[in-house]
PDB file of N, CA and C in Angstrom:
ATOM      1  N   MET A   1      17.316  -1.385  27.010  1.00  0.00           N
ATOM      2  CA  MET A   1      16.196  -1.382  26.069  1.00  0.00           C
ATOM      3  C   MET A   1      15.537  -0.006  26.084  1.00  0.00           C
ATOM      4  N   THR A   2      15.185   0.464  24.904  1.00  0.00           N
ATOM      5  CA  THR A   2      14.560   1.776  24.805  1.00  0.00           C
ATOM      6  C   THR A   2      13.045   1.668  24.910  1.00  0.00           C
ATOM      7  N   GLU A   3      12.465   2.769  25.237  1.00  0.00           N
ATOM      8  CA  GLU A   3      11.012   2.864  25.359  1.00  0.00           C
ATOM      9  C   GLU A   3      10.380   2.816  23.967  1.00  0.00           C
ATOM     10  N   PRO A   4       9.305   2.071  23.774  1.00  0.00           N
ATOM     11  CA  PRO A   4       8.626   2.037  22.471  1.00  0.00           C
ATOM     12  C   PRO A   4       7.995   3.390  22.150  1.00  0.00           C
ATOM     13  N   PHE A   5       7.670   3.583  20.898  1.00  0.00           N
ATOM     14  CA  PHE A   5       6.911   4.765  20.498  1.00  0.00           C
ATOM     15  C   PHE A   5       5.436   4.412  20.567  1.00  0.00           C
ATOM     16  N   TYR A   6       4.671   5.234  21.256  1.00  0.00           N
ATOM     17  CA  TYR A   6       3.236   5.010  21.383  1.00  0.00           C
ATOM     18  C   TYR A   6       2.487   6.062  20.578  1.00  0.00           C
ATOM     19  N   PHE A   7       1.671   5.612  19.642  1.00  0.00           N
ATOM     20  CA  PHE A   7       0.754   6.507  18.953  1.00  0.00           C
ATOM     21  C   PHE A   7      -0.447   6.644  19.860  1.00  0.00           C
ATOM     22  N   LYS A   8      -0.809   7.886  20.167  1.00  0.00           N
ATOM     23  CA  LYS A   8      -1.952   8.108  21.053  1.00  0.00           C
ATOM     24  C   LYS A   8      -2.946   9.056  20.410  1.00  0.00           C
ATOM     25  N   ARG A   9      -4.196   8.821  20.734  1.00  0.00           N
ATOM     26  CA  ARG A   9      -5.270   9.747  20.433  1.00  0.00           C
ATOM     27  C   ARG A   9      -5.822  10.146  21.790  1.00  0.00           C
ATOM     28  N   TYR A  10      -5.536  11.360  22.156  1.00  0.00           N
ATOM     29  CA  TYR A  10      -5.815  11.841  23.504  1.00  0.00           C
ATOM     30  C   TYR A  10      -5.058  10.943  24.486  1.00  0.00           C
ATOM     31  N   ASP A  11      -5.711  10.247  25.380  1.00  0.00           N
ATOM     32  CA  ASP A  11      -5.007   9.376  26.318  1.00  0.00           C
ATOM     33  C   ASP A  11      -5.107   7.897  25.962  1.00  0.00           C
ATOM     34  N   VAL A  12      -5.582   7.605  24.763  1.00  0.00           N
ATOM     35  CA  VAL A  12      -5.772   6.222  24.335  1.00  0.00           C
ATOM     36  C   VAL A  12      -4.634   5.820  23.386  1.00  0.00           C
ATOM     37  N   VAL A  13      -3.958   4.718  23.700  1.00  0.00           N
ATOM     38  CA  VAL A  13      -2.896   4.214  22.832  1.00  0.00           C
ATOM     39  C   VAL A  13      -3.556   3.505  21.651  1.00  0.00           C
ATOM     40  N   ILE A  14      -3.213   3.961  20.431  1.00  0.00           N
ATOM     41  CA  ILE A  14      -3.801   3.367  19.229  1.00  0.00           C
ATOM     42  C   ILE A  14      -2.757   2.616  18.392  1.00  0.00           C
ATOM     43  N   GLY A  15      -1.500   2.682  18.805  1.00  0.00           N
ATOM     44  CA  GLY A  15      -0.444   1.975  18.089  1.00  0.00           C
ATOM     45  C   GLY A  15       0.848   2.001  18.879  1.00  0.00           C
ATOM     46  N   LYS A  16       1.739   1.075  18.552  1.00  0.00           N
ATOM     47  CA  LYS A  16       2.998   0.968  19.278  1.00  0.00           C
ATOM     48  C   LYS A  16       4.072   0.435  18.332  1.00  0.00           C
ATOM     49  N   ALA A  17       5.289   0.982  18.469  1.00  0.00           N
ATOM     50  CA  ALA A  17       6.415   0.513  17.653  1.00  0.00           C
ATOM     51  C   ALA A  17       7.664   0.451  18.515  1.00  0.00           C
ATOM     52  N   GLU A  18       8.428  -0.624  18.358  1.00  0.00           N
ATOM     53  CA  GLU A  18       9.659  -0.787  19.119  1.00  0.00           C
ATOM     54  C   GLU A  18      10.910  -0.611  18.275  1.00  0.00           C
ATOM     55  N   ASN A  19      10.739  -0.501  16.948  1.00  0.00           N
ATOM     56  CA  ASN A  19      11.873  -0.277  16.050  1.00  0.00           C
ATOM     57  C   ASN A  19      11.355   0.399  14.785  1.00  0.00           C
ATOM     58  N   THR A  20      12.253   0.726  13.863  1.00  0.00           N
ATOM     59  CA  THR A  20      11.835   1.465  12.666  1.00  0.00           C
ATOM     60  C   THR A  20      10.950   0.633  11.741  1.00  0.00           C
ATOM     61  N   GLU A  21      11.163  -0.663  11.709  1.00  0.00           N
ATOM     62  CA  GLU A  21      10.313  -1.518  10.876  1.00  0.00           C
ATOM     63  C   GLU A  21       8.874  -1.509  11.401  1.00  0.00           C
ATOM     64  N   GLU A  22       8.717  -1.649  12.705  1.00  0.00           N
ATOM     65  CA  GLU A  22       7.373  -1.607  13.302  1.00  0.00           C
ATOM     66  C   GLU A  22       6.766  -0.215  13.141  1.00  0.00           C
ATOM     67  N   LEU A  23       7.588   0.817  13.245  1.00  0.00           N
ATOM     68  CA  LEU A  23       7.100   2.183  13.075  1.00  0.00           C
ATOM     69  C   LEU A  23       6.519   2.354  11.677  1.00  0.00           C
ATOM     70  N   SER A  24       7.223   1.861  10.673  1.00  0.00           N
ATOM     71  CA  SER A  24       6.743   1.943   9.302  1.00  0.00           C
ATOM     72  C   SER A  24       5.405   1.222   9.135  1.00  0.00           C
ATOM     73  N   LYS A  25       5.281   0.038   9.717  1.00  0.00           N
ATOM     74  CA  LYS A  25       4.036  -0.736   9.622  1.00  0.00           C
ATOM     75  C   LYS A  25       2.883  -0.024  10.324  1.00  0.00           C
ATOM     76  N   GLU A  26       3.168   0.544  11.487  1.00  0.00           N
ATOM     77  CA  GLU A  26       2.111   1.253  12.223  1.00  0.00           C
ATOM     78  C   GLU A  26       1.686   2.512  11.467  1.00  0.00           C
ATOM     79  N   LEU A  27       2.640   3.214  10.862  1.00  0.00           N
ATOM     80  CA  LEU A  27       2.288   4.389  10.063  1.00  0.00           C
ATOM     81  C   LEU A  27       1.383   3.996   8.902  1.00  0.00           C
ATOM     82  N   GLU A  28       1.706   2.886   8.247  1.00  0.00           N
ATOM     83  CA  GLU A  28       0.864   2.391   7.144  1.00  0.00           C
ATOM     84  C   GLU A  28      -0.549   2.089   7.631  1.00  0.00           C
ATOM     85  N   ARG A  29      -0.648   1.403   8.745  1.00  0.00           N
ATOM     86  CA  ARG A  29      -1.961   1.022   9.284  1.00  0.00           C
ATOM     87  C   ARG A  29      -2.754   2.244   9.732  1.00  0.00           C
ATOM     88  N   LEU A  30      -2.079   3.118  10.466  1.00  0.00           N
ATOM     89  CA  LEU A  30      -2.784   4.256  11.055  1.00  0.00           C
ATOM     90  C   LEU A  30      -3.092   5.377  10.062  1.00  0.00           C
ATOM     91  N   ARG A  31      -2.406   5.399   8.938  1.00  0.00           N
ATOM     92  CA  ARG A  31      -2.727   6.443   7.952  1.00  0.00           C
ATOM     93  C   ARG A  31      -4.138   6.256   7.419  1.00  0.00           C
ATOM     94  N   ILE A  32      -4.641   5.012   7.502  1.00  0.00           N
ATOM     95  CA  ILE A  32      -6.019   4.718   7.099  1.00  0.00           C
ATOM     96  C   ILE A  32      -6.965   4.880   8.290  1.00  0.00           C
ATOM     97  N   GLU A  33      -6.588   4.306   9.427  1.00  0.00           N
ATOM     98  CA  GLU A  33      -7.461   4.279  10.604  1.00  0.00           C
ATOM     99  C   GLU A  33      -7.572   5.617  11.320  1.00  0.00           C
ATOM    100  N   ASP A  34      -6.464   6.344  11.431  1.00  0.00           N
ATOM    101  CA  ASP A  34      -6.496   7.615  12.160  1.00  0.00           C
ATOM    102  C   ASP A  34      -5.406   8.561  11.653  1.00  0.00           C
ATOM    103  N   PRO A  35      -5.580   9.086  10.433  1.00  0.00           N
ATOM    104  CA  PRO A  35      -4.540   9.938   9.855  1.00  0.00           C
ATOM    105  C   PRO A  35      -4.275  11.207  10.662  1.00  0.00           C
ATOM    106  N   TYR A  36      -5.275  11.720  11.348  1.00  0.00           N
ATOM    107  CA  TYR A  36      -5.072  12.938  12.137  1.00  0.00           C
ATOM    108  C   TYR A  36      -4.109  12.705  13.293  1.00  0.00           C
ATOM    109  N   ALA A  37      -4.199  11.557  13.918  1.00  0.00           N
ATOM    110  CA  ALA A  37      -3.270  11.235  15.008  1.00  0.00           C
ATOM    111  C   ALA A  37      -1.843  11.118  14.476  1.00  0.00           C
ATOM    112  N   VAL A  38      -1.689  10.479  13.315  1.00  0.00           N
ATOM    113  CA  VAL A  38      -0.360  10.333  12.725  1.00  0.00           C
ATOM    114  C   VAL A  38       0.219  11.700  12.373  1.00  0.00           C
ATOM    115  N   LEU A  39      -0.570  12.533  11.720  1.00  0.00           N
ATOM    116  CA  LEU A  39      -0.095  13.873  11.367  1.00  0.00           C
ATOM    117  C   LEU A  39       0.284  14.682  12.600  1.00  0.00           C
ATOM    118  N   TYR A  40      -0.480  14.544  13.652  1.00  0.00           N
ATOM    119  CA  TYR A  40      -0.160  15.224  14.904  1.00  0.00           C
ATOM    120  C   TYR A  40       1.231  14.820  15.401  1.00  0.00           C
ATOM    121  N   HIS A  41       1.512  13.530  15.421  1.00  0.00           N
ATOM    122  CA  HIS A  41       2.811  13.055  15.903  1.00  0.00           C
ATOM    123  C   HIS A  41       3.953  13.484  14.989  1.00  0.00           C
ATOM    124  N   ILE A  42       3.703  13.549  13.685  1.00  0.00           N
ATOM    125  CA  ILE A  42       4.729  14.023  12.751  1.00  0.00           C
ATOM    126  C   ILE A  42       4.988  15.505  12.971  1.00  0.00           C
ATOM    127  N   LYS A  43       3.931  16.295  12.962  1.00  0.00           N
ATOM    128  CA  LYS A  43       4.064  17.753  13.040  1.00  0.00           C
ATOM    129  C   LYS A  43       4.602  18.240  14.378  1.00  0.00           C
ATOM    130  N   GLU A  44       4.303  17.525  15.448  1.00  0.00           N
ATOM    131  CA  GLU A  44       4.802  17.913  16.763  1.00  0.00           C
ATOM    132  C   GLU A  44       6.227  17.412  17.028  1.00  0.00           C
ATOM    133  N   GLY A  45       6.764  16.628  16.108  1.00  0.00           N
ATOM    134  CA  GLY A  45       8.136  16.145  16.248  1.00  0.00           C
ATOM    135  C   GLY A  45       8.283  14.955  17.174  1.00  0.00           C
ATOM    136  N   HIS A  46       7.185  14.327  17.535  1.00  0.00           N
ATOM    137  CA  HIS A  46       7.247  13.185  18.455  1.00  0.00           C
ATOM    138  C   HIS A  46       8.012  12.009  17.845  1.00  0.00           C
ATOM    139  N   ILE A  47       7.755  11.749  16.567  1.00  0.00           N
ATOM    140  CA  ILE A  47       8.429  10.622  15.909  1.00  0.00           C
ATOM    141  C   ILE A  47       9.925  10.907  15.795  1.00  0.00           C
ATOM    142  N   SER A  48      10.277  12.124  15.398  1.00  0.00           N
ATOM    143  CA  SER A  48      11.694  12.489  15.290  1.00  0.00           C
ATOM    144  C   SER A  48      12.396  12.394  16.636  1.00  0.00           C
ATOM    145  N   ASN A  49      11.747  12.869  17.679  1.00  0.00           N
ATOM    146  CA  ASN A  49      12.345  12.799  19.017  1.00  0.00           C
ATOM    147  C   ASN A  49      12.573  11.355  19.453  1.00  0.00           C
ATOM    148  N   TRP A  50      11.626  10.487  19.147  1.00  0.00           N
ATOM    149  CA  TRP A  50      11.779   9.082  19.507  1.00  0.00           C
ATOM    150  C   TRP A  50      12.924   8.452  18.721  1.00  0.00           C
ATOM    151  N   LEU A  51      13.007   8.773  17.437  1.00  0.00           N
ATOM    152  CA  LEU A  51      14.099   8.237  16.621  1.00  0.00           C
ATOM    153  C   LEU A  51      15.456   8.649  17.180  1.00  0.00           C
ATOM    154  N   ILE A  52      15.569   9.871  17.641  1.00  0.00           N
ATOM    155  CA  ILE A  52      16.812  10.325  18.274  1.00  0.00           C
ATOM    156  C   ILE A  52      17.084   9.500  19.526  1.00  0.00           C
ATOM    157  N   SER A  53      16.039   9.233  20.296  1.00  0.00           N
ATOM    158  CA  SER A  53      16.218   8.485  21.548  1.00  0.00           C
ATOM    159  C   SER A  53      16.679   7.051  21.325  1.00  0.00           C
ATOM    160  N   ILE A  54      16.405   6.489  20.130  1.00  0.00           N
ATOM    161  CA  ILE A  54      16.855   5.124  19.851  1.00  0.00           C
ATOM    162  C   ILE A  54      18.137   5.125  19.017  1.00  0.00           C
ATOM    163  N   GLY A  55      18.750   6.296  18.900  1.00  0.00           N
ATOM    164  CA  GLY A  55      20.034   6.375  18.210  1.00  0.00           C
ATOM    165  C   GLY A  55      19.945   6.530  16.706  1.00  0.00           C
ATOM    166  N   ARG A  56      18.812   6.968  16.197  1.00  0.00           N
ATOM    167  CA  ARG A  56      18.627   7.130  14.756  1.00  0.00           C
ATOM    168  C   ARG A  56      18.486   8.604  14.388  1.00  0.00           C
ATOM    169  N   LYS A  57      19.472   9.400  14.812  1.00  0.00           N
ATOM    170  CA  LYS A  57      19.451  10.836  14.539  1.00  0.00           C
ATOM    171  C   LYS A  57      19.441  11.122  13.043  1.00  0.00           C
ATOM    172  N   ASP A  58      20.152  10.299  12.257  1.00  0.00           N
ATOM    173  CA  ASP A  58      20.166  10.469  10.808  1.00  0.00           C
ATOM    174  C   ASP A  58      18.759  10.390  10.224  1.00  0.00           C
ATOM    175  N   LEU A  59      17.997   9.435  10.675  1.00  0.00           N
ATOM    176  CA  LEU A  59      16.631   9.258  10.209  1.00  0.00           C
ATOM    177  C   LEU A  59      15.723  10.361  10.746  1.00  0.00           C
ATOM    178  N   ALA A  60      15.920  10.728  11.999  1.00  0.00           N
ATOM    179  CA  ALA A  60      15.119  11.806  12.597  1.00  0.00           C
ATOM    180  C   ALA A  60      15.296  13.104  11.830  1.00  0.00           C
ATOM    181  N   ASN A  61      16.523  13.388  11.399  1.00  0.00           N
ATOM    182  CA  ASN A  61      16.793  14.618  10.657  1.00  0.00           C
ATOM    183  C   ASN A  61      16.161  14.621   9.276  1.00  0.00           C
ATOM    184  N   ALA A  62      15.853  13.441   8.748  1.00  0.00           N
ATOM    185  CA  ALA A  62      15.239  13.336   7.427  1.00  0.00           C
ATOM    186  C   ALA A  62      13.731  13.588   7.471  1.00  0.00           C
ATOM    187  N   ILE A  63      13.162  13.550   8.663  1.00  0.00           N
ATOM    188  CA  ILE A  63      11.714  13.756   8.814  1.00  0.00           C
ATOM    189  C   ILE A  63      11.465  15.202   9.236  1.00  0.00           C
ATOM    190  N   LYS A  64      10.654  15.882   8.450  1.00  0.00           N
ATOM    191  CA  LYS A  64      10.331  17.286   8.708  1.00  0.00           C
ATOM    192  C   LYS A  64       8.875  17.417   9.136  1.00  0.00           C
ATOM    193  N   PRO A  65       8.579  18.380  10.017  1.00  0.00           N
ATOM    194  CA  PRO A  65       7.195  18.569  10.483  1.00  0.00           C
ATOM    195  C   PRO A  65       6.206  18.870   9.362  1.00  0.00           C
ATOM    196  N   SER A  66       6.686  19.358   8.229  1.00  0.00           N
ATOM    197  CA  SER A  66       5.792  19.698   7.118  1.00  0.00           C
ATOM    198  C   SER A  66       5.503  18.519   6.194  1.00  0.00           C
ATOM    199  N   MET A  67       6.079  17.354   6.483  1.00  0.00           N
ATOM    200  CA  MET A  67       5.898  16.190   5.617  1.00  0.00           C
ATOM    201  C   MET A  67       4.501  15.601   5.739  1.00  0.00           C
ATOM    202  N   THR A  68       4.092  14.958   4.647  1.00  0.00           N
ATOM    203  CA  THR A  68       2.830  14.213   4.682  1.00  0.00           C
ATOM    204  C   THR A  68       3.094  12.848   5.317  1.00  0.00           C
ATOM    205  N   ILE A  69       2.035  12.126   5.576  1.00  0.00           N
ATOM    206  CA  ILE A  69       2.169  10.771   6.118  1.00  0.00           C
ATOM    207  C   ILE A  69       2.920   9.899   5.115  1.00  0.00           C
ATOM    208  N   GLU A  70       2.559  10.003   3.838  1.00  0.00           N
ATOM    209  CA  GLU A  70       3.186   9.182   2.802  1.00  0.00           C
ATOM    210  C   GLU A  70       4.683   9.476   2.693  1.00  0.00           C
ATOM    211  N   GLU A  71       5.058  10.744   2.764  1.00  0.00           N
ATOM    212  CA  GLU A  71       6.480  11.115   2.703  1.00  0.00           C
ATOM    213  C   GLU A  71       7.234  10.549   3.903  1.00  0.00           C
ATOM    214  N   THR A  72       6.630  10.620   5.061  1.00  0.00           N
ATOM    215  CA  THR A  72       7.258  10.094   6.275  1.00  0.00           C
ATOM    216  C   THR A  72       7.436   8.580   6.174  1.00  0.00           C
ATOM    217  N   ILE A  73       6.406   7.897   5.692  1.00  0.00           N
ATOM    218  CA  ILE A  73       6.493   6.447   5.507  1.00  0.00           C
ATOM    219  C   ILE A  73       7.613   6.113   4.523  1.00  0.00           C
ATOM    220  N   ALA A  74       7.704   6.858   3.440  1.00  0.00           N
ATOM    221  CA  ALA A  74       8.736   6.603   2.430  1.00  0.00           C
ATOM    222  C   ALA A  74      10.127   6.749   3.026  1.00  0.00           C
ATOM    223  N   VAL A  75      10.325   7.775   3.836  1.00  0.00           N
ATOM    224  CA  VAL A  75      11.635   7.986   4.462  1.00  0.00           C
ATOM    225  C   VAL A  75      11.959   6.834   5.406  1.00  0.00           C
ATOM    226  N   ILE A  76      11.021   6.495   6.264  1.00  0.00           N
ATOM    227  CA  ILE A  76      11.280   5.455   7.270  1.00  0.00           C
ATOM    228  C   ILE A  76      11.387   4.074   6.632  1.00  0.00           C
ATOM    229  N   SER A  77      10.494   3.729   5.730  1.00  0.00           N
ATOM    230  CA  SER A  77      10.555   2.395   5.126  1.00  0.00           C
ATOM    231  C   SER A  77      11.763   2.267   4.211  1.00  0.00           C
ATOM    232  N   GLY A  78      12.142   3.312   3.527  1.00  0.00           N
ATOM    233  CA  GLY A  78      13.339   3.272   2.700  1.00  0.00           C
ATOM    234  C   GLY A  78      14.578   3.078   3.530  1.00  0.00           C
ATOM    235  N   HIS A  79      14.604   3.703   4.683  1.00  0.00           N
ATOM    236  CA  HIS A  79      15.746   3.576   5.582  1.00  0.00           C
ATOM    237  C   HIS A  79      15.793   2.193   6.202  1.00  0.00           C
ATOM    238  N   SER A  80      14.635   1.615   6.513  1.00  0.00           N
ATOM    239  CA  SER A  80      14.588   0.270   7.094  1.00  0.00           C
ATOM    240  C   SER A  80      15.131  -0.755   6.113  1.00  0.00           C
ATOM    241  N   ARG A  81      14.759  -0.617   4.834  1.00  0.00           N
ATOM    242  CA  ARG A  81      15.256  -1.549   3.816  1.00  0.00           C
ATOM    243  C   ARG A  81      16.764  -1.440   3.669  1.00  0.00           C
ATOM    244  N   MET A  82      17.299  -0.225   3.742  1.00  0.00           N
ATOM    245  CA  MET A  82      18.741  -0.036   3.613  1.00  0.00           C
ATOM    246  C   MET A  82      19.483  -0.786   4.706  1.00  0.00           C
ATOM    247  N   HIS A  83      18.946  -0.793   5.892  1.00  0.00           N
ATOM    248  CA  HIS A  83      19.625  -1.430   7.010  1.00  0.00           C
ATOM    249  C   HIS A  83      19.390  -2.934   7.074  1.00  0.00           C
ATOM    250  N   LYS A  84      18.644  -3.460   6.112  1.00  0.00           N
ATOM    251  CA  LYS A  84      18.438  -4.904   6.047  1.00  0.00           C
ATOM    252  C   LYS A  84      19.250  -5.510   4.915  1.00  0.00           C
ATOM    253  N   GLY A  85      20.248  -4.765   4.415  1.00  0.00           N
ATOM    254  CA  GLY A  85      21.103  -5.297   3.363  1.00  0.00           C
ATOM    255  C   GLY A  85      20.734  -4.806   1.979  1.00  0.00           C
ATOM    256  N   GLY A  86      19.839  -3.853   1.890  1.00  0.00           N
ATOM    257  CA  GLY A  86      19.448  -3.295   0.599  1.00  0.00           C
ATOM    258  C   GLY A  86      20.478  -2.303   0.098  1.00  0.00           C
ATOM    259  N   PRO A  87      20.133  -1.569  -0.941  1.00  0.00           N
ATOM    260  CA  PRO A  87      21.078  -0.618  -1.518  1.00  0.00           C
ATOM    261  C   PRO A  87      21.458   0.470  -0.530  1.00  0.00           C
ATOM    262  N   ARG A  88      22.673   0.954  -0.653  1.00  0.00           N
ATOM    263  CA  ARG A  88      23.164   1.974   0.268  1.00  0.00           C
ATOM    264  C   ARG A  88      23.564   3.245  -0.455  1.00  0.00           C
ATOM    265  N   GLY A  89      22.835   3.589  -1.466  1.00  0.00           N
ATOM    266  CA  GLY A  89      23.069   4.854  -2.126  1.00  0.00           C
ATOM    267  C   GLY A  89      24.414   4.962  -2.821  1.00  0.00           C
ATOM    268  N   GLY A  90      24.875   3.907  -3.436  1.00  0.00           N
ATOM    269  CA  GLY A  90      26.086   3.975  -4.226  1.00  0.00           C
ATOM    270  C   GLY A  90      27.369   3.778  -3.458  1.00  0.00           C
ATOM    271  N   GLN A  91      27.343   3.281  -2.270  1.00  0.00           N
ATOM    272  CA  GLN A  91      28.558   3.080  -1.509  1.00  0.00           C
ATOM    273  C   GLN A  91      29.352   1.892  -2.013  1.00  0.00           C
ATOM    274  N   HIS A  92      28.701   0.978  -2.710  1.00  0.00           N
ATOM    275  CA  HIS A  92      29.408  -0.184  -3.230  1.00  0.00           C
ATOM    276  C   HIS A  92      29.862   0.110  -4.644  1.00  0.00           C
ATOM    277  N   GLY A  93      31.083  -0.260  -4.940  1.00  0.00           N
ATOM    278  CA  GLY A  93      31.630  -0.028  -6.266  1.00  0.00           C
ATOM    279  C   GLY A  93      30.949  -0.896  -7.300  1.00  0.00           C
ATOM    280  N   GLN A  94      31.075  -0.491  -8.558  1.00  0.00           N
ATOM    281  CA  GLN A  94      30.492  -1.241  -9.662  1.00  0.00           C
ATOM    282  C   GLN A  94      31.040  -2.655  -9.677  1.00  0.00           C
ATOM    283  N   GLY A  95      30.192  -3.656  -9.726  1.00  0.00           N
ATOM    284  CA  GLY A  95      30.614  -5.025  -9.841  1.00  0.00           C
ATOM    285  C   GLY A  95      31.005  -5.693  -8.534  1.00  0.00           C
ATOM    286  N   ARG A  96      31.034  -4.956  -7.445  1.00  0.00           N
ATOM    287  CA  ARG A  96      31.357  -5.569  -6.156  1.00  0.00           C
ATOM    288  C   ARG A  96      30.094  -6.016  -5.479  1.00  0.00           C
ATOM    289  N   LYS A  97      30.168  -7.124  -4.790  1.00  0.00           N
ATOM    290  CA  LYS A  97      29.025  -7.607  -4.027  1.00  0.00           C
ATOM    291  C   LYS A  97      28.945  -6.828  -2.722  1.00  0.00           C
ATOM    292  N   PRO A  98      27.715  -6.485  -2.272  1.00  0.00           N
ATOM    293  CA  PRO A  98      27.581  -5.818  -0.974  1.00  0.00           C
ATOM    294  C   PRO A  98      28.201  -6.662   0.123  1.00  0.00           C
ATOM    295  N   GLY A  99      28.916  -6.017   0.993  1.00  0.00           N
ATOM    296  CA  GLY A  99      29.504  -6.711   2.133  1.00  0.00           C
ATOM    297  C   GLY A  99      30.925  -7.183   1.882  1.00  0.00           C
ATOM    298  N   THR A 100      31.392  -7.119   0.624  1.00  0.00           N
ATOM    299  CA  THR A 100      32.773  -7.514   0.376  1.00  0.00           C
ATOM    300  C   THR A 100      33.685  -6.360   0.730  1.00  0.00           C
ATOM    301  N   LYS A 101      34.811  -6.688   1.256  1.00  0.00           N
ATOM    302  CA  LYS A 101      35.743  -5.692   1.733  1.00  0.00           C
ATOM    303  C   LYS A 101      36.763  -5.375   0.647  1.00  0.00           C
ATOM    304  N   ARG A 102      37.016  -4.119   0.458  1.00  0.00           N
ATOM    305  CA  ARG A 102      38.025  -3.693  -0.485  1.00  0.00           C
ATOM    306  C   ARG A 102      39.383  -3.711   0.206  1.00  0.00           C
ATOM    307  N   THR A 103      40.345  -4.335  -0.405  1.00  0.00           N
ATOM    308  CA  THR A 103      41.685  -4.336   0.177  1.00  0.00           C
ATOM    309  C   THR A 103      42.646  -3.697  -0.806  1.00  0.00           C
ATOM    310  N   PHE A 104      43.609  -3.011  -0.284  1.00  0.00           N
ATOM    311  CA  PHE A 104      44.622  -2.364  -1.116  1.00  0.00           C
ATOM    312  C   PHE A 104      45.951  -3.041  -0.877  1.00  0.00           C
ATOM    313  N   GLN A 105      46.559  -3.438  -1.947  1.00  0.00           N
ATOM    314  CA  GLN A 105      47.848  -4.119  -1.831  1.00  0.00           C
ATOM    315  C   GLN A 105      48.905  -3.343  -2.601  1.00  0.00           C
ATOM    316  N   ASN A 106      50.109  -3.425  -2.132  1.00  0.00           N
ATOM    317  CA  ASN A 106      51.219  -2.794  -2.811  1.00  0.00           C
ATOM    318  C   ASN A 106      51.559  -3.646  -4.043  1.00  0.00           C
ATOM    319  N   ARG A 107      51.482  -3.076  -5.221  1.00  0.00           N
ATOM    320  CA  ARG A 107      51.696  -3.841  -6.443  1.00  0.00           C
ATOM    321  C   ARG A 107      53.026  -3.465  -7.095  1.00  0.00           C
ATOM    322  N   ASP A 108      54.122  -3.608  -6.373  1.00  0.00           N
ATOM    323  CA  ASP A 108      55.445  -3.296  -6.924  1.00  0.00           C
ATOM    324  C   ASP A 108      56.005  -4.432  -7.712  1.00  0.00           C
TER     325      ASP A 108
END
């Protein structure tokens, strides 16, 4: 099990996330309650480093220190939806149902 991500303001924990879905929810909540703390964690690369530690390097690379809170939320929440069976950026062919396997047969 990996270590959760802790949002902190100085030495006080103000939020916690154990996966990308929880991270997205905490970002939404904290952007209202303490946007400066969220921006600090984005700009210092804390969120990206944590994402790498949980095996989400692809997502970590999509988050840049110059991003706003809203941009970061969009990246993370969009990625969370993709991994729950949502669209995958055109990987499925036209008319095929997601999750169906393409098979190739010799048609001689």
